Amino acid sequence: MKFTDMKYTGLLAAIMLAFASFSVFAEGSHMAKMLELTQAAVEATDGKAIAEHAEVAKTHAVAADEHLDAAIKNLDEAIKHGKLGHTDLAKKAAEEALTHLKAAQ
């Protein structure tokens, strides 16, 4: 295989990974995509391919982590308001937590 062919193949793979990551952000399945990309990194036989898969997997891990942090904050609010008898505020906080947990998924 010529160097230019490998170069174009790498570019095509990077573009495909970028489009895949954008669609996953829209779907909200960060954990599933992170696991899929990490598995692809484990199975790759080229250092650059491993790095590319790992880099995109890391972006999904960070996004999932941010959603989990927000969900924990919302759950704390739901607990606090629930104990004070603020049913509407507790319910709203729990709904926001659920939204973040689904996005992290």
PDB file of N, CA and C in Angstrom:
ATOM      1  N   MET A   1       0.847  -1.182   0.000  1.00  0.00           N
ATOM      2  CA  MET A   1       0.000   0.000   0.000  1.00  0.00           C
ATOM      3  C   MET A   1       0.886   1.236   0.000  1.00  0.00           C
ATOM      4  N   LYS A   2       0.581   2.166  -0.870  1.00  0.00           N
ATOM      5  CA  LYS A   2       1.363   3.392  -0.949  1.00  0.00           C
ATOM      6  C   LYS A   2       1.086   4.283   0.257  1.00  0.00           C
ATOM      7  N   PHE A   3       2.043   5.158   0.562  1.00  0.00           N
ATOM      8  CA  PHE A   3       1.890   6.084   1.675  1.00  0.00           C
ATOM      9  C   PHE A   3       0.683   6.995   1.468  1.00  0.00           C
ATOM     10  N   THR A   4       0.475   7.466   0.223  1.00  0.00           N
ATOM     11  CA  THR A   4      -0.661   8.368  -0.031  1.00  0.00           C
ATOM     12  C   THR A   4      -1.982   7.641   0.166  1.00  0.00           C
ATOM     13  N   ASP A   5      -2.043   6.351  -0.183  1.00  0.00           N
ATOM     14  CA  ASP A   5      -3.263   5.568   0.047  1.00  0.00           C
ATOM     15  C   ASP A   5      -3.547   5.447   1.540  1.00  0.00           C
ATOM     16  N   MET A   6      -2.493   5.219   2.332  1.00  0.00           N
ATOM     17  CA  MET A   6      -2.656   5.118   3.781  1.00  0.00           C
ATOM     18  C   MET A   6      -3.097   6.453   4.352  1.00  0.00           C
ATOM     19  N   LYS A   7      -2.566   7.525   3.795  1.00  0.00           N
ATOM     20  CA  LYS A   7      -2.898   8.860   4.253  1.00  0.00           C
ATOM     21  C   LYS A   7      -4.388   9.138   4.021  1.00  0.00           C
ATOM     22  N   TYR A   8      -4.877   8.801   2.844  1.00  0.00           N
ATOM     23  CA  TYR A   8      -6.285   9.019   2.524  1.00  0.00           C
ATOM     24  C   TYR A   8      -7.187   8.102   3.342  1.00  0.00           C
ATOM     25  N   THR A   9      -6.741   6.899   3.590  1.00  0.00           N
ATOM     26  CA  THR A   9      -7.512   5.968   4.412  1.00  0.00           C
ATOM     27  C   THR A   9      -7.635   6.503   5.836  1.00  0.00           C
ATOM     28  N   GLY A  10      -6.551   7.022   6.366  1.00  0.00           N
ATOM     29  CA  GLY A  10      -6.569   7.616   7.704  1.00  0.00           C
ATOM     30  C   GLY A  10      -7.473   8.825   7.776  1.00  0.00           C
ATOM     31  N   LEU A  11      -7.434   9.652   6.751  1.00  0.00           N
ATOM     32  CA  LEU A  11      -8.289  10.838   6.696  1.00  0.00           C
ATOM     33  C   LEU A  11      -9.750  10.431   6.641  1.00  0.00           C
ATOM     34  N   LEU A  12     -10.060   9.446   5.821  1.00  0.00           N
ATOM     35  CA  LEU A  12     -11.432   8.958   5.714  1.00  0.00           C
ATOM     36  C   LEU A  12     -11.900   8.389   7.052  1.00  0.00           C
ATOM     37  N   ALA A  13     -11.053   7.646   7.739  1.00  0.00           N
ATOM     38  CA  ALA A  13     -11.412   7.078   9.048  1.00  0.00           C
ATOM     39  C   ALA A  13     -11.681   8.184  10.064  1.00  0.00           C
ATOM     40  N   ALA A  14     -10.859   9.223  10.052  1.00  0.00           N
ATOM     41  CA  ALA A  14     -11.042  10.342  10.976  1.00  0.00           C
ATOM     42  C   ALA A  14     -12.361  11.065  10.709  1.00  0.00           C
ATOM     43  N   ILE A  15     -12.684  11.257   9.449  1.00  0.00           N
ATOM     44  CA  ILE A  15     -13.948  11.914   9.088  1.00  0.00           C
ATOM     45  C   ILE A  15     -15.130  11.065   9.539  1.00  0.00           C
ATOM     46  N   MET A  16     -15.028   9.756   9.306  1.00  0.00           N
ATOM     47  CA  MET A  16     -16.120   8.865   9.722  1.00  0.00           C
ATOM     48  C   MET A  16     -16.286   8.881  11.243  1.00  0.00           C
ATOM     49  N   LEU A  17     -15.181   8.893  11.979  1.00  0.00           N
ATOM     50  CA  LEU A  17     -15.262   8.956  13.438  1.00  0.00           C
ATOM     51  C   LEU A  17     -15.891  10.265  13.899  1.00  0.00           C
ATOM     52  N   ALA A  18     -15.548  11.356  13.236  1.00  0.00           N
ATOM     53  CA  ALA A  18     -16.123  12.641  13.599  1.00  0.00           C
ATOM     54  C   ALA A  18     -17.631  12.641  13.394  1.00  0.00           C
ATOM     55  N   PHE A  19     -18.087  12.143  12.255  1.00  0.00           N
ATOM     56  CA  PHE A  19     -19.529  12.087  12.002  1.00  0.00           C
ATOM     57  C   PHE A  19     -20.220  11.154  12.984  1.00  0.00           C
ATOM     58  N   ALA A  20     -19.585  10.058  13.308  1.00  0.00           N
ATOM     59  CA  ALA A  20     -20.168   9.121  14.273  1.00  0.00           C
ATOM     60  C   ALA A  20     -20.304   9.779  15.639  1.00  0.00           C
ATOM     61  N   SER A  21     -19.298  10.538  16.037  1.00  0.00           N
ATOM     62  CA  SER A  21     -19.365  11.179  17.350  1.00  0.00           C
ATOM     63  C   SER A  21     -20.441  12.248  17.393  1.00  0.00           C
ATOM     64  N   PHE A  22     -20.636  12.993  16.297  1.00  0.00           N
ATOM     65  CA  PHE A  22     -21.686  13.998  16.276  1.00  0.00           C
ATOM     66  C   PHE A  22     -23.061  13.361  16.387  1.00  0.00           C
ATOM     67  N   SER A  23     -23.281  12.255  15.707  1.00  0.00           N
ATOM     68  CA  SER A  23     -24.579  11.601  15.786  1.00  0.00           C
ATOM     69  C   SER A  23     -24.826  11.051  17.173  1.00  0.00           C
ATOM     70  N   VAL A  24     -23.784  10.600  17.840  1.00  0.00           N
ATOM     71  CA  VAL A  24     -23.954  10.077  19.185  1.00  0.00           C
ATOM     72  C   VAL A  24     -24.281  11.186  20.155  1.00  0.00           C
ATOM     73  N   PHE A  25     -23.666  12.346  19.997  1.00  0.00           N
ATOM     74  CA  PHE A  25     -24.004  13.461  20.870  1.00  0.00           C
ATOM     75  C   PHE A  25     -25.479  13.790  20.733  1.00  0.00           C
ATOM     76  N   ALA A  26     -26.007  13.725  19.518  1.00  0.00           N
ATOM     77  CA  ALA A  26     -27.424  13.998  19.304  1.00  0.00           C
ATOM     78  C   ALA A  26     -28.284  12.935  19.963  1.00  0.00           C
ATOM     79  N   GLU A  27     -27.855  11.690  19.927  1.00  0.00           N
ATOM     80  CA  GLU A  27     -28.631  10.601  20.512  1.00  0.00           C
ATOM     81  C   GLU A  27     -28.491  10.552  22.023  1.00  0.00           C
ATOM     82  N   GLY A  28     -27.377  10.982  22.545  1.00  0.00           N
ATOM     83  CA  GLY A  28     -27.177  10.984  23.980  1.00  0.00           C
ATOM     84  C   GLY A  28     -26.643   9.679  24.546  1.00  0.00           C
ATOM     85  N   SER A  29     -26.165   8.765  23.722  1.00  0.00           N
ATOM     86  CA  SER A  29     -25.661   7.483  24.214  1.00  0.00           C
ATOM     87  C   SER A  29     -24.142   7.533  24.357  1.00  0.00           C
ATOM     88  N   HIS A  30     -23.680   8.391  25.238  1.00  0.00           N
ATOM     89  CA  HIS A  30     -22.245   8.580  25.416  1.00  0.00           C
ATOM     90  C   HIS A  30     -21.551   7.319  25.923  1.00  0.00           C
ATOM     91  N   MET A  31     -22.162   6.646  26.871  1.00  0.00           N
ATOM     92  CA  MET A  31     -21.523   5.460  27.447  1.00  0.00           C
ATOM     93  C   MET A  31     -21.375   4.349  26.410  1.00  0.00           C
ATOM     94  N   ALA A  32     -22.417   4.123  25.633  1.00  0.00           N
ATOM     95  CA  ALA A  32     -22.358   3.059  24.623  1.00  0.00           C
ATOM     96  C   ALA A  32     -21.287   3.362  23.581  1.00  0.00           C
ATOM     97  N   LYS A  33     -21.238   4.590  23.119  1.00  0.00           N
ATOM     98  CA  LYS A  33     -20.249   4.955  22.104  1.00  0.00           C
ATOM     99  C   LYS A  33     -18.843   4.908  22.685  1.00  0.00           C
ATOM    100  N   MET A  34     -18.703   5.344  23.935  1.00  0.00           N
ATOM    101  CA  MET A  34     -17.397   5.299  24.583  1.00  0.00           C
ATOM    102  C   MET A  34     -16.898   3.859  24.656  1.00  0.00           C
ATOM    103  N   LEU A  35     -17.768   2.941  25.048  1.00  0.00           N
ATOM    104  CA  LEU A  35     -17.376   1.537  25.123  1.00  0.00           C
ATOM    105  C   LEU A  35     -17.029   0.981  23.747  1.00  0.00           C
ATOM    106  N   GLU A  36     -17.821   1.339  22.746  1.00  0.00           N
ATOM    107  CA  GLU A  36     -17.577   0.863  21.380  1.00  0.00           C
ATOM    108  C   GLU A  36     -16.224   1.354  20.855  1.00  0.00           C
ATOM    109  N   LEU A  37     -15.940   2.620  21.079  1.00  0.00           N
ATOM    110  CA  LEU A  37     -14.675   3.192  20.599  1.00  0.00           C
ATOM    111  C   LEU A  37     -13.481   2.648  21.371  1.00  0.00           C
ATOM    112  N   THR A  38     -13.657   2.420  22.663  1.00  0.00           N
ATOM    113  CA  THR A  38     -12.572   1.848  23.453  1.00  0.00           C
ATOM    114  C   THR A  38     -12.281   0.424  22.993  1.00  0.00           C
ATOM    115  N   GLN A  39     -13.333  -0.332  22.695  1.00  0.00           N
ATOM    116  CA  GLN A  39     -13.151  -1.687  22.158  1.00  0.00           C
ATOM    117  C   GLN A  39     -12.415  -1.627  20.824  1.00  0.00           C
ATOM    118  N   ALA A  40     -12.768  -0.648  19.980  1.00  0.00           N
ATOM    119  CA  ALA A  40     -12.090  -0.487  18.694  1.00  0.00           C
ATOM    120  C   ALA A  40     -10.614  -0.156  18.902  1.00  0.00           C
ATOM    121  N   ALA A  41     -10.317   0.644  19.923  1.00  0.00           N
ATOM    122  CA  ALA A  41      -8.918   0.968  20.229  1.00  0.00           C
ATOM    123  C   ALA A  41      -8.162  -0.284  20.656  1.00  0.00           C
ATOM    124  N   VAL A  42      -8.800  -1.123  21.462  1.00  0.00           N
ATOM    125  CA  VAL A  42      -8.164  -2.369  21.920  1.00  0.00           C
ATOM    126  C   VAL A  42      -7.876  -3.291  20.740  1.00  0.00           C
ATOM    127  N   GLU A  43      -8.794  -3.322  19.776  1.00  0.00           N
ATOM    128  CA  GLU A  43      -8.650  -4.232  18.644  1.00  0.00           C
ATOM    129  C   GLU A  43      -7.774  -3.677  17.520  1.00  0.00           C
ATOM    130  N   ALA A  44      -7.483  -2.373  17.542  1.00  0.00           N
ATOM    131  CA  ALA A  44      -6.664  -1.765  16.488  1.00  0.00           C
ATOM    132  C   ALA A  44      -5.232  -2.289  16.561  1.00  0.00           C
ATOM    133  N   THR A  45      -4.599  -2.344  15.400  1.00  0.00           N
ATOM    134  CA  THR A  45      -3.228  -2.857  15.341  1.00  0.00           C
ATOM    135  C   THR A  45      -2.210  -1.759  15.042  1.00  0.00           C
ATOM    136  N   ASP A  46      -2.674  -0.548  14.891  1.00  0.00           N
ATOM    137  CA  ASP A  46      -1.817   0.581  14.552  1.00  0.00           C
ATOM    138  C   ASP A  46      -1.905   1.614  15.670  1.00  0.00           C
ATOM    139  N   GLY A  47      -0.780   2.131  16.089  1.00  0.00           N
ATOM    140  CA  GLY A  47      -0.745   3.106  17.175  1.00  0.00           C
ATOM    141  C   GLY A  47      -1.592   4.328  16.917  1.00  0.00           C
ATOM    142  N   LYS A  48      -1.555   4.838  15.689  1.00  0.00           N
ATOM    143  CA  LYS A  48      -2.343   6.036  15.363  1.00  0.00           C
ATOM    144  C   LYS A  48      -3.834   5.743  15.432  1.00  0.00           C
ATOM    145  N   ALA A  49      -4.254   4.579  14.986  1.00  0.00           N
ATOM    146  CA  ALA A  49      -5.661   4.200  15.046  1.00  0.00           C
ATOM    147  C   ALA A  49      -6.110   4.056  16.496  1.00  0.00           C
ATOM    148  N   ILE A  50      -5.250   3.481  17.325  1.00  0.00           N
ATOM    149  CA  ILE A  50      -5.566   3.354  18.752  1.00  0.00           C
ATOM    150  C   ILE A  50      -5.775   4.741  19.350  1.00  0.00           C
ATOM    151  N   ALA A  51      -4.872   5.645  19.039  1.00  0.00           N
ATOM    152  CA  ALA A  51      -4.968   7.007  19.568  1.00  0.00           C
ATOM    153  C   ALA A  51      -6.236   7.712  19.096  1.00  0.00           C
ATOM    154  N   GLU A  52      -6.590   7.545  17.815  1.00  0.00           N
ATOM    155  CA  GLU A  52      -7.801   8.179  17.288  1.00  0.00           C
ATOM    156  C   GLU A  52      -9.052   7.661  17.993  1.00  0.00           C
ATOM    157  N   HIS A  53      -9.149   6.345  18.137  1.00  0.00           N
ATOM    158  CA  HIS A  53     -10.313   5.767  18.817  1.00  0.00           C
ATOM    159  C   HIS A  53     -10.369   6.213  20.277  1.00  0.00           C
ATOM    160  N   ALA A  54      -9.227   6.201  20.930  1.00  0.00           N
ATOM    161  CA  ALA A  54      -9.171   6.583  22.336  1.00  0.00           C
ATOM    162  C   ALA A  54      -9.535   8.052  22.531  1.00  0.00           C
ATOM    163  N   GLU A  55      -9.098   8.889  21.605  1.00  0.00           N
ATOM    164  CA  GLU A  55      -9.395  10.323  21.720  1.00  0.00           C
ATOM    165  C   GLU A  55     -10.892  10.596  21.621  1.00  0.00           C
ATOM    166  N   VAL A  56     -11.544   9.970  20.665  1.00  0.00           N
ATOM    167  CA  VAL A  56     -12.984  10.170  20.510  1.00  0.00           C
ATOM    168  C   VAL A  56     -13.727   9.541  21.690  1.00  0.00           C
ATOM    169  N   ALA A  57     -13.255   8.382  22.160  1.00  0.00           N
ATOM    170  CA  ALA A  57     -13.874   7.741  23.328  1.00  0.00           C
ATOM    171  C   ALA A  57     -13.784   8.655  24.541  1.00  0.00           C
ATOM    172  N   LYS A  58     -12.653   9.331  24.682  1.00  0.00           N
ATOM    173  CA  LYS A  58     -12.467  10.233  25.819  1.00  0.00           C
ATOM    174  C   LYS A  58     -13.471  11.386  25.783  1.00  0.00           C
ATOM    175  N   THR A  59     -13.773  11.911  24.594  1.00  0.00           N
ATOM    176  CA  THR A  59     -14.747  13.008  24.515  1.00  0.00           C
ATOM    177  C   THR A  59     -16.113  12.542  25.009  1.00  0.00           C
ATOM    178  N   HIS A  60     -16.470  11.306  24.716  1.00  0.00           N
ATOM    179  CA  HIS A  60     -17.749  10.768  25.199  1.00  0.00           C
ATOM    180  C   HIS A  60     -17.709  10.529  26.702  1.00  0.00           C
ATOM    181  N   ALA A  61     -16.569  10.108  27.219  1.00  0.00           N
ATOM    182  CA  ALA A  61     -16.429   9.897  28.660  1.00  0.00           C
ATOM    183  C   ALA A  61     -16.572  11.217  29.406  1.00  0.00           C
ATOM    184  N   VAL A  62     -15.961  12.265  28.884  1.00  0.00           N
ATOM    185  CA  VAL A  62     -16.049  13.584  29.510  1.00  0.00           C
ATOM    186  C   VAL A  62     -17.493  14.080  29.479  1.00  0.00           C
ATOM    187  N   ALA A  63     -18.164  13.918  28.340  1.00  0.00           N
ATOM    188  CA  ALA A  63     -19.557  14.356  28.228  1.00  0.00           C
ATOM    189  C   ALA A  63     -20.443  13.587  29.201  1.00  0.00           C
ATOM    190  N   ALA A  64     -20.238  12.283  29.302  1.00  0.00           N
ATOM    191  CA  ALA A  64     -21.025  11.474  30.234  1.00  0.00           C
ATOM    192  C   ALA A  64     -20.764  11.911  31.669  1.00  0.00           C
ATOM    193  N   ASP A  65     -19.508  12.191  31.987  1.00  0.00           N
ATOM    194  CA  ASP A  65     -19.141  12.624  33.333  1.00  0.00           C
ATOM    195  C   ASP A  65     -19.818  13.945  33.687  1.00  0.00           C
ATOM    196  N   GLU A  66     -19.865  14.870  32.740  1.00  0.00           N
ATOM    197  CA  GLU A  66     -20.511  16.158  32.983  1.00  0.00           C
ATOM    198  C   GLU A  66     -21.999  15.973  33.253  1.00  0.00           C
ATOM    199  N   HIS A  67     -22.636  15.078  32.493  1.00  0.00           N
ATOM    200  CA  HIS A  67     -24.055  14.803  32.719  1.00  0.00           C
ATOM    201  C   HIS A  67     -24.279  14.141  34.078  1.00  0.00           C
ATOM    202  N   LEU A  68     -23.387  13.223  34.462  1.00  0.00           N
ATOM    203  CA  LEU A  68     -23.520  12.566  35.766  1.00  0.00           C
ATOM    204  C   LEU A  68     -23.349  13.566  36.908  1.00  0.00           C
ATOM    205  N   ASP A  69     -22.400  14.475  36.778  1.00  0.00           N
ATOM    206  CA  ASP A  69     -22.207  15.503  37.805  1.00  0.00           C
ATOM    207  C   ASP A  69     -23.456  16.366  37.943  1.00  0.00           C
ATOM    208  N   ALA A  70     -24.037  16.755  36.801  1.00  0.00           N
ATOM    209  CA  ALA A  70     -25.255  17.566  36.832  1.00  0.00           C
ATOM    210  C   ALA A  70     -26.415  16.779  37.438  1.00  0.00           C
ATOM    211  N   ALA A  71     -26.508  15.495  37.117  1.00  0.00           N
ATOM    212  CA  ALA A  71     -27.577  14.657  37.668  1.00  0.00           C
ATOM    213  C   ALA A  71     -27.458  14.548  39.187  1.00  0.00           C
ATOM    214  N   ILE A  72     -26.248  14.383  39.682  1.00  0.00           N
ATOM    215  CA  ILE A  72     -26.035  14.292  41.130  1.00  0.00           C
ATOM    216  C   ILE A  72     -26.471  15.589  41.811  1.00  0.00           C
ATOM    217  N   LYS A  73     -26.122  16.706  41.206  1.00  0.00           N
ATOM    218  CA  LYS A  73     -26.529  18.003  41.757  1.00  0.00           C
ATOM    219  C   LYS A  73     -28.058  18.099  41.796  1.00  0.00           C
ATOM    220  N   ASN A  74     -28.719  17.694  40.709  1.00  0.00           N
ATOM    221  CA  ASN A  74     -30.179  17.738  40.671  1.00  0.00           C
ATOM    222  C   ASN A  74     -30.798  16.787  41.692  1.00  0.00           C
ATOM    223  N   LEU A  75     -30.205  15.615  41.874  1.00  0.00           N
ATOM    224  CA  LEU A  75     -30.731  14.671  42.860  1.00  0.00           C
ATOM    225  C   LEU A  75     -30.577  15.222  44.278  1.00  0.00           C
ATOM    226  N   ASP A  76     -29.467  15.908  44.551  1.00  0.00           N
ATOM    227  CA  ASP A  76     -29.296  16.558  45.855  1.00  0.00           C
ATOM    228  C   ASP A  76     -30.387  17.596  46.082  1.00  0.00           C
ATOM    229  N   GLU A  77     -30.697  18.362  45.031  1.00  0.00           N
ATOM    230  CA  GLU A  77     -31.767  19.355  45.137  1.00  0.00           C
ATOM    231  C   GLU A  77     -33.122  18.685  45.373  1.00  0.00           C
ATOM    232  N   ALA A  78     -33.365  17.579  44.672  1.00  0.00           N
ATOM    233  CA  ALA A  78     -34.623  16.850  44.844  1.00  0.00           C
ATOM    234  C   ALA A  78     -34.754  16.335  46.279  1.00  0.00           C
ATOM    235  N   ILE A  79     -33.677  15.837  46.842  1.00  0.00           N
ATOM    236  CA  ILE A  79     -33.684  15.351  48.223  1.00  0.00           C
ATOM    237  C   ILE A  79     -33.981  16.493  49.182  1.00  0.00           C
ATOM    238  N   LYS A  80     -33.245  17.591  48.996  1.00  0.00           N
ATOM    239  CA  LYS A  80     -33.405  18.746  49.886  1.00  0.00           C
ATOM    240  C   LYS A  80     -34.839  19.271  49.842  1.00  0.00           C
ATOM    241  N   HIS A  81     -35.351  19.505  48.640  1.00  0.00           N
ATOM    242  CA  HIS A  81     -36.706  20.048  48.514  1.00  0.00           C
ATOM    243  C   HIS A  81     -37.758  19.041  48.962  1.00  0.00           C
ATOM    244  N   GLY A  82     -37.520  17.773  48.684  1.00  0.00           N
ATOM    245  CA  GLY A  82     -38.468  16.749  49.118  1.00  0.00           C
ATOM    246  C   GLY A  82     -38.593  16.692  50.626  1.00  0.00           C
ATOM    247  N   LYS A  83     -37.461  16.771  51.330  1.00  0.00           N
ATOM    248  CA  LYS A  83     -37.479  16.738  52.789  1.00  0.00           C
ATOM    249  C   LYS A  83     -38.147  17.969  53.390  1.00  0.00           C
ATOM    250  N   LEU A  84     -38.091  19.080  52.655  1.00  0.00           N
ATOM    251  CA  LEU A  84     -38.731  20.316  53.129  1.00  0.00           C
ATOM    252  C   LEU A  84     -40.210  20.377  52.731  1.00  0.00           C
ATOM    253  N   GLY A  85     -40.659  19.382  51.979  1.00  0.00           N
ATOM    254  CA  GLY A  85     -42.063  19.361  51.565  1.00  0.00           C
ATOM    255  C   GLY A  85     -42.355  20.198  50.327  1.00  0.00           C
ATOM    256  N   HIS A  86     -41.337  20.609  49.610  1.00  0.00           N
ATOM    257  CA  HIS A  86     -41.502  21.390  48.377  1.00  0.00           C
ATOM    258  C   HIS A  86     -41.663  20.423  47.199  1.00  0.00           C
ATOM    259  N   THR A  87     -42.855  19.875  47.085  1.00  0.00           N
ATOM    260  CA  THR A  87     -43.098  18.805  46.115  1.00  0.00           C
ATOM    261  C   THR A  87     -42.790  19.223  44.688  1.00  0.00           C
ATOM    262  N   ASP A  88     -43.269  20.399  44.266  1.00  0.00           N
ATOM    263  CA  ASP A  88     -43.063  20.834  42.879  1.00  0.00           C
ATOM    264  C   ASP A  88     -41.580  21.021  42.554  1.00  0.00           C
ATOM    265  N   LEU A  89     -40.849  21.652  43.470  1.00  0.00           N
ATOM    266  CA  LEU A  89     -39.410  21.863  43.242  1.00  0.00           C
ATOM    267  C   LEU A  89     -38.651  20.538  43.259  1.00  0.00           C
ATOM    268  N   ALA A  90     -39.040  19.635  44.142  1.00  0.00           N
ATOM    269  CA  ALA A  90     -38.386  18.329  44.206  1.00  0.00           C
ATOM    270  C   ALA A  90     -38.627  17.547  42.923  1.00  0.00           C
ATOM    271  N   LYS A  91     -39.854  17.590  42.431  1.00  0.00           N
ATOM    272  CA  LYS A  91     -40.202  16.874  41.202  1.00  0.00           C
ATOM    273  C   LYS A  91     -39.430  17.444  40.014  1.00  0.00           C
ATOM    274  N   LYS A  92     -39.343  18.778  39.927  1.00  0.00           N
ATOM    275  CA  LYS A  92     -38.617  19.419  38.836  1.00  0.00           C
ATOM    276  C   LYS A  92     -37.135  19.031  38.862  1.00  0.00           C
ATOM    277  N   ALA A  93     -36.544  19.024  40.035  1.00  0.00           N
ATOM    278  CA  ALA A  93     -35.132  18.645  40.162  1.00  0.00           C
ATOM    279  C   ALA A  93     -34.927  17.180  39.774  1.00  0.00           C
ATOM    280  N   ALA A  94     -35.850  16.315  40.173  1.00  0.00           N
ATOM    281  CA  ALA A  94     -35.747  14.896  39.811  1.00  0.00           C
ATOM    282  C   ALA A  94     -35.889  14.711  38.302  1.00  0.00           C
ATOM    283  N   GLU A  95     -36.781  15.477  37.681  1.00  0.00           N
ATOM    284  CA  GLU A  95     -36.947  15.399  36.220  1.00  0.00           C
ATOM    285  C   GLU A  95     -35.673  15.840  35.507  1.00  0.00           C
ATOM    286  N   GLU A  96     -35.047  16.902  36.009  1.00  0.00           N
ATOM    287  CA  GLU A  96     -33.798  17.367  35.402  1.00  0.00           C
ATOM    288  C   GLU A  96     -32.690  16.320  35.584  1.00  0.00           C
ATOM    289  N   ALA A  97     -32.662  15.663  36.728  1.00  0.00           N
ATOM    290  CA  ALA A  97     -31.676  14.604  36.972  1.00  0.00           C
ATOM    291  C   ALA A  97     -31.880  13.474  35.969  1.00  0.00           C
ATOM    292  N   LEU A  98     -33.128  13.102  35.747  1.00  0.00           N
ATOM    293  CA  LEU A  98     -33.431  12.030  34.792  1.00  0.00           C
ATOM    294  C   LEU A  98     -32.979  12.398  33.389  1.00  0.00           C
ATOM    295  N   THR A  99     -33.191  13.639  32.999  1.00  0.00           N
ATOM    296  CA  THR A  99     -32.757  14.106  31.691  1.00  0.00           C
ATOM    297  C   THR A  99     -31.237  13.945  31.541  1.00  0.00           C
ATOM    298  N   HIS A 100     -30.492  14.333  32.570  1.00  0.00           N
ATOM    299  CA  HIS A 100     -29.028  14.209  32.526  1.00  0.00           C
ATOM    300  C   HIS A 100     -28.580  12.749  32.529  1.00  0.00           C
ATOM    301  N   LEU A 101     -29.258  11.915  33.291  1.00  0.00           N
ATOM    302  CA  LEU A 101     -28.892  10.498  33.322  1.00  0.00           C
ATOM    303  C   LEU A 101     -29.136   9.828  31.980  1.00  0.00           C
ATOM    304  N   LYS A 102     -30.230  10.190  31.325  1.00  0.00           N
ATOM    305  CA  LYS A 102     -30.501   9.647  29.997  1.00  0.00           C
ATOM    306  C   LYS A 102     -29.454  10.128  29.000  1.00  0.00           C
ATOM    307  N   ALA A 103     -29.031  11.388  29.122  1.00  0.00           N
ATOM    308  CA  ALA A 103     -28.023  11.925  28.210  1.00  0.00           C
ATOM    309  C   ALA A 103     -26.668  11.258  28.427  1.00  0.00           C
ATOM    310  N   ALA A 104     -26.358  10.905  29.669  1.00  0.00           N
ATOM    311  CA  ALA A 104     -25.081  10.265  29.976  1.00  0.00           C
ATOM    312  C   ALA A 104     -25.030   8.840  29.480  1.00  0.00           C
ATOM    313  N   GLN A 105     -26.167   8.234  29.403  1.00  0.00           N
ATOM    314  CA  GLN A 105     -26.296   6.821  29.032  1.00  0.00           C
ATOM    315  C   GLN A 105     -25.532   6.585  27.804  1.00  0.00           C
TER     316      GLN A 105
END
